[in-house]
N, C-alpha and C. Protein backbone atom coordinates (compact mmCIF):
# COMPACT_ATOMS: atom_id res chain seq x y z
N MET A 1 -7.83 -21.32 6.18
CA MET A 1 -6.77 -20.62 6.17
C MET A 1 -7.51 -18.85 6.71
N VAL A 2 -7.03 -18.13 7.84
CA VAL A 2 -7.31 -16.92 8.10
C VAL A 2 -6.81 -15.79 7.36
N ARG A 3 -7.12 -14.65 6.85
CA ARG A 3 -6.57 -13.68 5.94
C ARG A 3 -6.37 -12.70 7.16
N LEU A 4 -6.18 -11.73 7.07
CA LEU A 4 -5.80 -10.67 7.43
C LEU A 4 -5.16 -9.27 6.47
N VAL A 5 -5.81 -8.54 6.22
CA VAL A 5 -5.09 -6.78 6.27
C VAL A 5 -5.05 -5.95 6.89
N LEU A 6 -3.58 -5.40 7.03
CA LEU A 6 -3.60 -4.65 7.78
C LEU A 6 -3.14 -2.99 7.07
N ILE A 7 -4.24 -2.19 7.02
CA ILE A 7 -3.78 -0.90 6.74
C ILE A 7 -3.26 0.29 7.72
N SER A 8 -2.23 0.75 7.30
CA SER A 8 -2.00 2.02 7.73
C SER A 8 -2.32 3.07 8.00
N HIS A 9 -2.74 4.13 8.48
CA HIS A 9 -3.63 5.31 8.46
C HIS A 9 -2.81 6.29 7.70
N ALA A 10 -3.68 6.86 7.24
CA ALA A 10 -3.88 7.93 6.40
C ALA A 10 -2.50 8.98 7.20
N SER A 11 -2.06 9.77 6.32
CA SER A 11 -1.13 10.79 6.60
C SER A 11 -1.70 12.01 7.52
N THR A 12 -0.72 12.33 8.61
CA THR A 12 -1.03 13.42 9.64
C THR A 12 0.29 14.47 9.60
N MET A 13 -0.02 15.30 10.25
CA MET A 13 0.97 16.74 10.65
C MET A 13 2.23 15.60 11.22
N ALA A 14 1.88 14.94 12.19
CA ALA A 14 2.85 14.41 13.00
C ALA A 14 3.93 13.83 12.26
N LEU A 15 3.14 12.59 11.34
CA LEU A 15 3.87 11.52 10.41
C LEU A 15 5.04 12.65 9.33
N ARG A 16 3.99 13.90 8.75
CA ARG A 16 4.87 14.54 7.69
C ARG A 16 6.34 15.06 8.23
N ARG A 17 5.60 15.82 9.72
CA ARG A 17 6.96 16.46 10.41
C ARG A 17 8.11 15.95 11.00
N ALA A 18 8.01 14.45 10.65
CA ALA A 18 8.34 13.43 11.75
C ALA A 18 8.40 13.76 12.80
N ARG A 19 7.60 13.23 13.74
CA ARG A 19 7.19 14.04 15.04
C ARG A 19 6.66 12.83 15.66
N PHE A 20 6.89 12.17 16.78
CA PHE A 20 6.23 11.09 17.65
C PHE A 20 4.61 11.80 17.67
N PRO A 21 3.32 10.65 17.21
CA PRO A 21 2.35 11.34 17.24
C PRO A 21 1.71 11.45 18.72
N ALA A 22 0.87 11.69 18.53
CA ALA A 22 -0.33 12.50 19.64
C ALA A 22 -1.30 11.45 18.94
N ASP A 23 -2.58 11.84 19.55
CA ASP A 23 -3.74 11.49 18.54
C ASP A 23 -4.58 12.46 17.82
N GLU A 24 -3.09 12.98 17.01
CA GLU A 24 -3.51 14.08 15.95
C GLU A 24 -4.48 13.34 14.62
N PRO A 25 -5.00 14.75 14.38
CA PRO A 25 -5.96 14.12 13.15
C PRO A 25 -5.68 13.70 11.51
N ILE A 26 -5.99 13.24 10.79
CA ILE A 26 -5.71 13.36 9.12
C ILE A 26 -5.17 14.63 9.08
N ASP A 27 -4.37 14.72 8.29
CA ASP A 27 -4.27 16.07 7.46
C ASP A 27 -5.08 16.04 6.11
N GLU A 28 -4.21 17.41 5.58
CA GLU A 28 -5.31 17.55 4.33
C GLU A 28 -4.36 16.73 3.47
N GLY A 29 -3.27 16.82 3.11
CA GLY A 29 -3.05 15.56 2.06
C GLY A 29 -3.24 13.67 2.15
N GLY A 30 -3.54 13.70 3.42
CA GLY A 30 -4.45 12.22 3.83
C GLY A 30 -5.83 12.57 3.36
N HIS A 31 -6.39 13.27 3.37
CA HIS A 31 -7.97 13.28 3.16
C HIS A 31 -7.78 12.98 1.49
N ARG A 32 -6.97 13.87 0.88
CA ARG A 32 -7.09 13.66 -0.13
C ARG A 32 -6.28 12.51 -0.86
N GLU A 33 -5.65 11.71 -0.30
CA GLU A 33 -5.23 10.10 -0.64
C GLU A 33 -5.97 9.49 -0.52
N LEU A 34 -7.04 9.75 0.54
CA LEU A 34 -8.28 8.63 1.04
C LEU A 34 -9.42 8.73 0.09
N ALA A 35 -9.19 10.06 -0.56
CA ALA A 35 -10.34 10.51 -1.74
C ALA A 35 -10.18 9.20 -3.05
N ARG A 36 -8.71 9.11 -2.90
CA ARG A 36 -8.84 8.36 -4.47
C ARG A 36 -8.24 7.06 -4.01
N CYS A 37 -8.79 6.49 -2.72
CA CYS A 37 -8.95 5.01 -2.70
C CYS A 37 -9.71 4.29 -3.28
N ALA A 38 -9.84 3.10 -4.23
CA ALA A 38 -10.94 2.10 -4.46
C ALA A 38 -11.40 1.34 -3.22
N PRO A 39 -12.66 1.17 -3.56
CA PRO A 39 -13.32 0.14 -2.44
C PRO A 39 -12.59 -1.46 -2.13
N PHE A 40 -12.63 -1.49 -1.02
CA PHE A 40 -11.07 -2.65 -0.59
C PHE A 40 -11.93 -3.98 0.12
N GLY A 41 -11.64 -4.60 -0.24
CA GLY A 41 -12.20 -6.11 0.36
C GLY A 41 -13.20 -6.12 1.35
N SER A 42 -13.46 -7.63 1.70
CA SER A 42 -14.42 -7.93 2.70
C SER A 42 -13.66 -8.76 3.99
N GLY A 43 -14.58 -8.67 5.04
CA GLY A 43 -14.12 -8.95 6.13
C GLY A 43 -14.58 -8.21 7.58
N ARG A 44 -14.25 -8.69 8.47
CA ARG A 44 -14.52 -8.08 9.74
C ARG A 44 -13.77 -7.33 9.87
N VAL A 45 -13.89 -5.84 10.45
CA VAL A 45 -13.32 -4.49 10.14
C VAL A 45 -12.97 -4.11 11.79
N VAL A 46 -11.92 -3.73 12.12
CA VAL A 46 -11.33 -3.18 13.61
C VAL A 46 -10.31 -2.06 13.17
N PHE A 47 -10.25 -1.16 14.24
CA PHE A 47 -9.59 -0.31 14.31
C PHE A 47 -8.82 0.40 15.34
N GLY A 48 -7.84 0.62 15.20
CA GLY A 48 -7.24 1.35 16.58
C GLY A 48 -8.19 2.55 16.97
N PRO A 49 -7.87 2.78 18.21
CA PRO A 49 -8.80 3.72 19.14
C PRO A 49 -8.75 5.10 18.51
N GLU A 50 -7.80 5.70 18.30
CA GLU A 50 -6.64 6.82 18.07
C GLU A 50 -7.66 7.94 16.68
N LEU A 51 -8.17 8.84 16.63
CA LEU A 51 -8.74 9.69 16.02
C LEU A 51 -8.28 9.43 14.34
N ARG A 52 -6.95 9.30 14.08
CA ARG A 52 -6.19 9.11 12.63
C ARG A 52 -6.72 7.66 12.07
N CYS A 53 -6.75 7.03 13.04
CA CYS A 53 -7.24 5.19 12.65
C CYS A 53 -8.53 5.44 12.43
N ARG A 54 -9.73 5.80 12.90
CA ARG A 54 -11.07 5.84 13.19
C ARG A 54 -11.59 6.55 11.77
N THR A 55 -10.74 7.54 11.53
CA THR A 55 -11.21 8.58 10.70
C THR A 55 -10.57 7.86 9.18
N THR A 56 -10.06 7.44 9.27
CA THR A 56 -9.26 6.63 7.82
C THR A 56 -9.97 5.77 7.52
N ALA A 57 -10.34 4.74 8.28
CA ALA A 57 -11.76 3.61 8.37
C ALA A 57 -12.83 3.83 7.83
N ALA A 58 -13.29 5.35 8.64
CA ALA A 58 -14.43 5.53 7.85
C ALA A 58 -14.38 6.62 6.68
N GLU A 59 -13.22 7.44 6.28
CA GLU A 59 -13.58 7.54 4.90
C GLU A 59 -12.90 6.63 4.03
N LEU A 60 -12.21 5.34 4.24
CA LEU A 60 -12.77 4.50 3.30
C LEU A 60 -13.80 3.12 3.11
N GLY A 61 -14.76 3.85 3.85
CA GLY A 61 -16.13 3.47 3.68
C GLY A 61 -16.03 2.21 4.61
N LEU A 62 -15.11 1.66 5.56
CA LEU A 62 -15.15 0.44 6.45
C LEU A 62 -15.28 0.33 7.50
N VAL A 63 -16.84 -0.04 7.91
CA VAL A 63 -17.37 -0.03 8.99
C VAL A 63 -17.11 -1.61 10.24
N GLY A 64 -16.37 -0.82 10.92
CA GLY A 64 -16.17 -2.10 12.05
C GLY A 64 -16.73 -1.53 13.68
N VAL A 65 -14.97 -1.89 14.31
CA VAL A 65 -15.14 -1.90 15.68
C VAL A 65 -13.67 -1.26 15.84
N VAL A 66 -13.86 -0.28 17.47
CA VAL A 66 -12.33 0.14 18.10
C VAL A 66 -11.68 -1.90 18.28
N ASP A 67 -10.37 -1.78 18.25
CA ASP A 67 -10.33 -2.47 19.45
C ASP A 67 -8.68 -1.97 19.81
N PRO A 68 -8.78 -2.07 21.17
CA PRO A 68 -7.72 -1.45 21.55
C PRO A 68 -6.65 -2.07 21.57
N ALA A 69 -6.42 -3.20 21.07
CA ALA A 69 -4.65 -3.96 21.00
C ALA A 69 -4.13 -2.93 20.13
N LEU A 70 -4.88 -2.57 18.83
CA LEU A 70 -4.37 -2.17 17.44
C LEU A 70 -4.00 -0.31 17.92
N ARG A 71 -3.95 -0.12 19.39
CA ARG A 71 -3.52 1.19 19.37
C ARG A 71 -1.72 1.26 19.21
N ASP A 72 -1.83 2.58 19.10
CA ASP A 72 -0.47 3.26 18.56
C ASP A 72 0.26 2.35 20.11
N LEU A 73 1.60 2.69 19.73
CA LEU A 73 2.90 2.67 20.63
C LEU A 73 2.81 4.05 21.26
N ASP A 74 3.15 4.00 22.85
CA ASP A 74 2.57 4.76 23.49
C ASP A 74 4.25 5.75 23.58
N ALA A 75 4.15 6.56 23.24
CA ALA A 75 5.63 7.83 22.87
C ALA A 75 6.17 8.40 24.42
N GLY A 76 5.03 8.45 25.26
CA GLY A 76 4.76 8.76 26.87
C GLY A 76 5.67 10.70 26.79
N ARG A 77 6.58 10.85 27.33
CA ARG A 77 6.48 12.08 27.28
C ARG A 77 7.58 12.68 26.01
N TRP A 78 7.50 12.06 25.06
CA TRP A 78 8.04 11.94 23.77
C TRP A 78 6.59 12.55 22.83
N ARG A 79 5.46 12.72 23.46
CA ARG A 79 4.47 12.51 22.24
C ARG A 79 4.35 14.01 21.66
N GLY A 80 4.10 14.54 20.68
CA GLY A 80 4.47 15.66 20.02
C GLY A 80 5.79 16.05 19.34
N ARG A 81 6.78 15.67 20.14
CA ARG A 81 8.01 16.13 20.10
C ARG A 81 9.11 15.39 18.70
N ALA A 82 9.80 16.60 17.84
CA ALA A 82 10.71 15.95 16.45
C ALA A 82 11.97 14.92 17.91
N PRO A 83 12.58 14.02 16.53
CA PRO A 83 13.41 13.36 17.48
C PRO A 83 14.44 13.88 17.90
N ALA A 84 14.72 15.19 17.33
CA ALA A 84 16.02 16.26 17.68
C ALA A 84 15.35 17.09 18.92
N GLU A 85 14.37 16.74 19.53
CA GLU A 85 14.27 17.31 21.11
C GLU A 85 14.25 16.31 21.92
N VAL A 86 14.42 15.12 21.60
CA VAL A 86 14.45 14.51 22.38
C VAL A 86 16.48 14.06 22.51
N PRO A 87 16.73 14.01 23.97
CA PRO A 87 17.92 13.54 24.74
C PRO A 87 18.63 12.65 23.60
N ALA A 88 19.89 12.85 23.13
CA ALA A 88 20.34 11.88 21.66
C ALA A 88 20.38 10.51 22.54
N GLY A 89 21.18 10.41 23.79
CA GLY A 89 21.41 9.09 24.36
C GLY A 89 19.72 8.14 24.42
N GLU A 90 18.74 8.79 25.07
CA GLU A 90 17.92 8.47 25.35
C GLU A 90 17.09 7.80 23.66
N LEU A 91 17.14 8.52 23.08
CA LEU A 91 16.76 8.27 21.95
C LEU A 91 17.30 6.82 20.95
N ALA A 92 18.89 6.83 21.21
CA ALA A 92 19.90 5.72 20.75
C ALA A 92 19.58 4.66 21.76
N ASP A 93 18.83 4.95 22.96
CA ASP A 93 18.58 3.82 23.85
C ASP A 93 17.76 3.18 23.44
N TRP A 94 16.37 3.96 22.84
CA TRP A 94 15.31 3.46 22.82
C TRP A 94 15.50 2.59 21.27
N LEU A 95 16.19 3.24 20.18
CA LEU A 95 16.32 2.55 19.10
C LEU A 95 17.22 0.98 19.29
N ALA A 96 17.77 1.18 20.32
CA ALA A 96 18.60 -0.24 20.54
C ALA A 96 18.02 -1.35 21.13
N ASP A 97 17.48 -0.85 22.49
CA ASP A 97 16.61 -1.43 23.41
C ASP A 97 15.46 -1.79 23.46
N PRO A 98 14.76 -2.80 23.05
CA PRO A 98 13.45 -3.05 22.98
C PRO A 98 12.43 -2.93 23.68
N ASP A 99 13.32 -2.70 25.11
CA ASP A 99 12.94 -3.19 26.47
C ASP A 99 12.68 -1.25 26.98
N PHE A 100 13.06 -0.41 26.32
CA PHE A 100 13.43 0.94 26.84
C PHE A 100 11.97 1.50 27.01
N ARG A 101 12.00 2.54 28.15
CA ARG A 101 10.55 2.58 28.60
C ARG A 101 10.90 4.27 29.80
N ALA A 102 12.02 4.68 29.36
CA ALA A 102 12.18 5.77 30.54
C ALA A 102 11.49 6.75 29.64
N HIS A 103 11.12 6.88 28.69
CA HIS A 103 10.11 8.11 28.05
C HIS A 103 8.78 7.85 28.91
N GLY A 104 8.15 7.27 29.55
CA GLY A 104 7.45 7.25 30.22
C GLY A 104 6.43 6.55 29.43
N GLY A 105 6.78 5.99 28.28
CA GLY A 105 5.23 5.09 27.87
C GLY A 105 5.83 3.50 27.29
N GLU A 106 5.09 3.37 26.13
CA GLU A 106 5.19 1.76 26.15
C GLU A 106 6.70 1.42 25.58
N SER A 107 7.25 0.53 25.56
CA SER A 107 8.77 -0.28 25.04
C SER A 107 8.25 -0.72 23.48
N VAL A 108 9.27 -0.58 22.66
CA VAL A 108 8.65 -1.36 21.32
C VAL A 108 8.44 -3.25 21.51
N GLY A 109 9.24 -4.08 22.90
CA GLY A 109 8.96 -4.92 23.39
C GLY A 109 7.29 -5.31 23.56
N ALA A 110 6.98 -4.25 24.28
CA ALA A 110 5.63 -4.60 24.58
C ALA A 110 4.72 -4.42 23.43
N VAL A 111 4.85 -3.36 22.23
CA VAL A 111 4.02 -3.59 21.37
C VAL A 111 4.13 -4.86 20.78
N LEU A 112 5.30 -5.18 20.99
CA LEU A 112 5.88 -6.87 19.89
C LEU A 112 4.89 -7.97 20.56
N ASP A 113 4.83 -7.53 22.04
CA ASP A 113 4.05 -8.87 22.68
C ASP A 113 2.78 -8.23 22.51
N ARG A 114 1.73 -7.18 22.71
CA ARG A 114 0.71 -7.05 22.38
C ARG A 114 0.15 -6.99 21.18
N VAL A 115 0.76 -6.99 20.14
CA VAL A 115 0.82 -7.43 18.89
C VAL A 115 0.35 -8.53 18.61
N VAL A 116 1.30 -9.85 19.10
CA VAL A 116 1.69 -11.10 18.96
C VAL A 116 0.28 -11.92 19.68
N ARG A 117 -0.21 -11.35 21.00
CA ARG A 117 -1.35 -11.70 21.62
C ARG A 117 -2.30 -11.75 20.39
N TRP A 118 -2.86 -10.52 19.87
CA TRP A 118 -3.72 -10.13 19.26
C TRP A 118 -3.55 -10.73 17.76
N LEU A 119 -3.10 -11.27 17.03
CA LEU A 119 -2.63 -11.86 16.37
C LEU A 119 -3.28 -13.35 16.50
N ALA A 120 -3.19 -13.62 17.65
CA ALA A 120 -3.74 -15.31 18.03
C ALA A 120 -5.02 -15.24 18.41
N THR A 121 -5.64 -13.74 18.21
CA THR A 121 -7.22 -14.02 18.81
C THR A 121 -7.87 -13.61 17.19
N VAL A 122 -6.95 -13.62 15.96
CA VAL A 122 -7.74 -13.23 14.67
C VAL A 122 -8.07 -14.69 14.31
N GLU A 123 -9.28 -14.70 13.54
CA GLU A 123 -10.17 -16.35 13.82
C GLU A 123 -10.95 -16.15 12.54
N GLU A 124 -11.01 -14.96 11.92
CA GLU A 124 -11.48 -14.86 10.62
C GLU A 124 -11.11 -13.78 9.50
N PRO A 125 -11.43 -13.71 8.39
CA PRO A 125 -10.99 -13.00 7.20
C PRO A 125 -11.04 -11.59 7.80
N THR A 126 -10.31 -10.24 8.08
CA THR A 126 -10.02 -9.48 9.11
C THR A 126 -9.27 -8.57 8.02
N ILE A 127 -10.10 -7.07 8.01
CA ILE A 127 -9.20 -5.78 8.11
C ILE A 127 -9.00 -4.93 9.00
N ALA A 128 -8.45 -4.44 9.31
CA ALA A 128 -7.34 -3.29 10.47
C ALA A 128 -6.86 -2.47 10.01
N VAL A 129 -7.60 -1.41 10.38
CA VAL A 129 -7.05 -0.05 10.15
C VAL A 129 -5.98 0.19 11.41
N THR A 130 -4.95 0.36 11.00
CA THR A 130 -3.86 0.35 12.32
C THR A 130 -2.82 1.49 12.22
N HIS A 131 -1.66 1.47 13.18
CA HIS A 131 -0.65 2.07 12.75
C HIS A 131 0.79 1.51 12.46
N PRO A 132 1.66 2.49 11.89
CA PRO A 132 3.01 1.67 11.62
C PRO A 132 3.33 0.88 12.13
N ALA A 133 3.58 1.37 13.68
CA ALA A 133 4.47 0.79 14.43
C ALA A 133 3.42 -1.02 14.77
N VAL A 134 2.48 -1.31 14.76
CA VAL A 134 1.28 -2.33 14.96
C VAL A 134 1.65 -3.07 13.42
N VAL A 135 2.08 -2.13 12.47
CA VAL A 135 2.04 -3.36 11.34
C VAL A 135 3.35 -4.05 11.43
N ARG A 136 4.36 -2.83 11.84
CA ARG A 136 5.65 -3.50 12.06
C ARG A 136 6.12 -4.62 13.00
N ALA A 137 5.08 -4.43 14.20
CA ALA A 137 5.39 -5.47 15.25
C ALA A 137 4.73 -6.76 14.39
N ALA A 138 3.16 -6.78 13.34
CA ALA A 138 2.78 -7.77 12.98
C ALA A 138 4.20 -8.78 12.12
N VAL A 139 4.36 -7.80 11.17
CA VAL A 139 5.28 -8.59 10.23
C VAL A 139 6.73 -8.98 10.92
N VAL A 140 6.77 -8.40 12.11
CA VAL A 140 8.03 -9.16 13.01
C VAL A 140 7.50 -10.43 13.12
N ALA A 141 6.52 -10.22 13.71
CA ALA A 141 5.83 -11.52 14.28
C ALA A 141 5.72 -12.87 13.24
N ALA A 142 4.98 -12.24 12.10
CA ALA A 142 5.11 -13.36 11.64
C ALA A 142 6.35 -13.81 10.65
N LEU A 143 7.31 -13.30 10.28
CA LEU A 143 8.46 -13.61 10.08
C LEU A 143 9.97 -14.27 11.18
N GLY A 144 8.98 -14.17 12.27
CA GLY A 144 9.50 -14.78 13.11
C GLY A 144 10.98 -14.26 13.40
N ALA A 145 11.29 -12.63 13.11
CA ALA A 145 12.56 -11.62 13.51
C ALA A 145 12.52 -11.40 14.73
N PRO A 146 13.98 -10.86 14.89
CA PRO A 146 14.14 -10.60 16.51
C PRO A 146 13.74 -8.79 16.53
N PRO A 147 13.56 -8.81 18.16
CA PRO A 147 13.12 -7.35 17.87
C PRO A 147 13.54 -6.21 17.41
N SER A 148 14.75 -6.65 16.80
CA SER A 148 15.52 -5.29 16.31
C SER A 148 15.08 -5.25 14.87
N GLY A 149 14.18 -6.20 14.47
CA GLY A 149 13.52 -6.05 12.95
C GLY A 149 12.68 -4.89 12.72
N PHE A 150 11.75 -4.88 14.28
CA PHE A 150 11.01 -3.88 14.24
C PHE A 150 11.13 -2.32 13.51
N TRP A 151 12.78 -2.19 13.65
CA TRP A 151 12.83 -0.83 13.00
C TRP A 151 13.59 -0.94 11.40
N ARG A 152 13.19 -2.37 10.98
CA ARG A 152 13.61 -2.73 9.45
C ARG A 152 12.48 -2.63 8.64
N VAL A 153 11.22 -2.51 8.99
CA VAL A 153 10.27 -2.61 8.25
C VAL A 153 9.05 -0.85 8.27
N ASP A 154 9.39 -0.92 6.88
CA ASP A 154 9.24 0.78 6.31
C ASP A 154 7.19 0.67 5.92
N VAL A 155 6.20 1.41 6.91
CA VAL A 155 5.17 1.09 6.58
C VAL A 155 4.94 2.64 6.33
N PRO A 156 4.39 2.96 4.86
CA PRO A 156 4.10 4.52 4.07
C PRO A 156 2.50 4.57 4.72
N PRO A 157 2.27 5.48 4.61
CA PRO A 157 0.59 6.16 4.96
C PRO A 157 -0.26 5.27 4.04
N LEU A 158 -1.17 4.79 4.30
CA LEU A 158 -2.58 3.54 3.57
C LEU A 158 -1.39 2.83 2.95
N GLY A 159 -0.46 2.19 3.69
CA GLY A 159 0.23 0.94 3.53
C GLY A 159 -0.45 -0.16 3.42
N VAL A 160 -0.66 -0.99 2.57
CA VAL A 160 -1.37 -2.65 3.00
C VAL A 160 -0.31 -3.28 3.05
N THR A 161 -0.43 -4.01 4.10
CA THR A 161 0.36 -5.59 4.21
C THR A 161 -0.67 -6.53 4.46
N ARG A 162 -0.33 -7.55 3.97
CA ARG A 162 -1.31 -9.00 4.33
C ARG A 162 -0.39 -10.18 4.74
N LEU A 163 -1.23 -10.41 5.41
CA LEU A 163 -0.51 -11.68 6.30
C LEU A 163 -1.66 -12.79 6.16
N HIS A 164 -1.47 -14.23 6.13
CA HIS A 164 -2.39 -15.48 5.99
C HIS A 164 -1.62 -16.23 7.38
N ARG A 165 -2.50 -16.89 7.63
CA ARG A 165 -2.34 -18.07 8.46
C ARG A 165 -2.72 -19.51 8.11
N ARG A 166 -2.22 -20.66 8.35
CA ARG A 166 -2.44 -21.48 8.15
C ARG A 166 -2.13 -22.50 9.77
N GLY A 167 -2.99 -23.05 10.58
CA GLY A 167 -2.69 -23.30 12.17
C GLY A 167 -2.41 -22.13 12.79
N LYS A 168 -1.04 -22.18 13.30
CA LYS A 168 -0.79 -21.16 14.50
C LYS A 168 0.74 -20.52 13.76
N THR A 169 1.19 -20.40 12.60
CA THR A 169 2.07 -19.87 11.33
C THR A 169 1.72 -18.77 10.55
N TRP A 170 1.77 -17.61 10.75
CA TRP A 170 1.66 -16.12 10.14
C TRP A 170 2.80 -16.56 8.92
N THR A 171 2.31 -15.83 7.66
CA THR A 171 3.08 -15.76 6.32
C THR A 171 2.91 -14.49 5.91
N LEU A 172 3.92 -13.77 5.60
CA LEU A 172 3.70 -12.74 4.76
C LEU A 172 3.38 -12.80 3.47
N ARG A 173 2.03 -11.93 2.85
CA ARG A 173 2.39 -12.28 1.54
C ARG A 173 2.67 -10.58 0.88
N ALA A 174 3.23 -10.84 0.11
CA ALA A 174 3.63 -9.73 -0.67
C ALA A 174 2.80 -8.75 -1.29
N THR A 175 2.77 -7.43 -1.35
CA THR A 175 1.90 -6.71 -1.40
C THR A 175 2.50 -5.81 -2.44
N GLY A 176 1.69 -4.71 -2.78
CA GLY A 176 1.89 -3.42 -3.48
C GLY A 176 2.34 -2.02 -2.56
N PRO A 177 2.92 -0.69 -2.64
CA PRO A 177 3.16 -0.17 -1.82
C PRO A 177 2.15 0.61 -1.13
N ARG A 178 1.20 0.81 -1.63
CA ARG A 178 0.39 1.42 -0.89
C ARG A 178 -1.20 0.94 -1.14
N TYR A 179 -2.41 1.66 0.13
CA TYR A 179 -3.53 1.15 -0.72
C TYR A 179 -3.90 1.16 -2.24
N PRO A 180 -5.16 0.26 -2.55
CA PRO A 180 -5.55 0.27 -3.95
C PRO A 180 -5.97 2.17 -3.92
N THR A 181 -5.80 2.39 -5.36
CA THR A 181 -6.50 3.44 -5.38
C THR A 181 -7.07 3.66 -6.78
N GLY A 182 -8.04 4.34 -7.23
CA GLY A 182 -8.81 4.49 -8.58
C GLY A 182 -8.37 5.51 -8.98
N PRO A 183 -9.32 6.13 -10.16
CA PRO A 183 -8.82 7.26 -10.85
C PRO A 183 -8.72 8.44 -9.60
N SER A 184 -7.89 9.19 -10.59
CA SER A 184 -7.43 10.49 -9.81
C SER A 184 -8.20 11.54 -10.13
């Protein structure tokens, strides 16, 4: 059996303000949350290339390597913008159509495909620090859900999602709501 732990990066100002992400740093609240986290299991450690993933991994004491497949969904020209700043029709199309790319970035379908390909390469116990979009895609893949399920998975900052695989089938393990914390 292969075990995979996905940890969503700590909070950023874009996340708190509900903006499309850029390569922003962890915010002050995120650093405080990270300081309260307890040590976490063992295994191969990989993380997304963005600053927020690298910082989260480092502050959790996780030493590993960047894996480009764990990069965030590319929001194209929407980077740094609030949803209210995006033409309403485009936003509605993006939420409804997993292949929408008119924003010049990556489609949800492309993220799903990328994560499915990445999951097929995981052959040993792995801890991955990544983005809510990547965690959502991994859950959708594990459940064999349709692409519309992507928007029905809520992933909080420092959220922990556990998957395990027997053969070629991934299974979602029930988890707590956040990364385990030590004393405040």
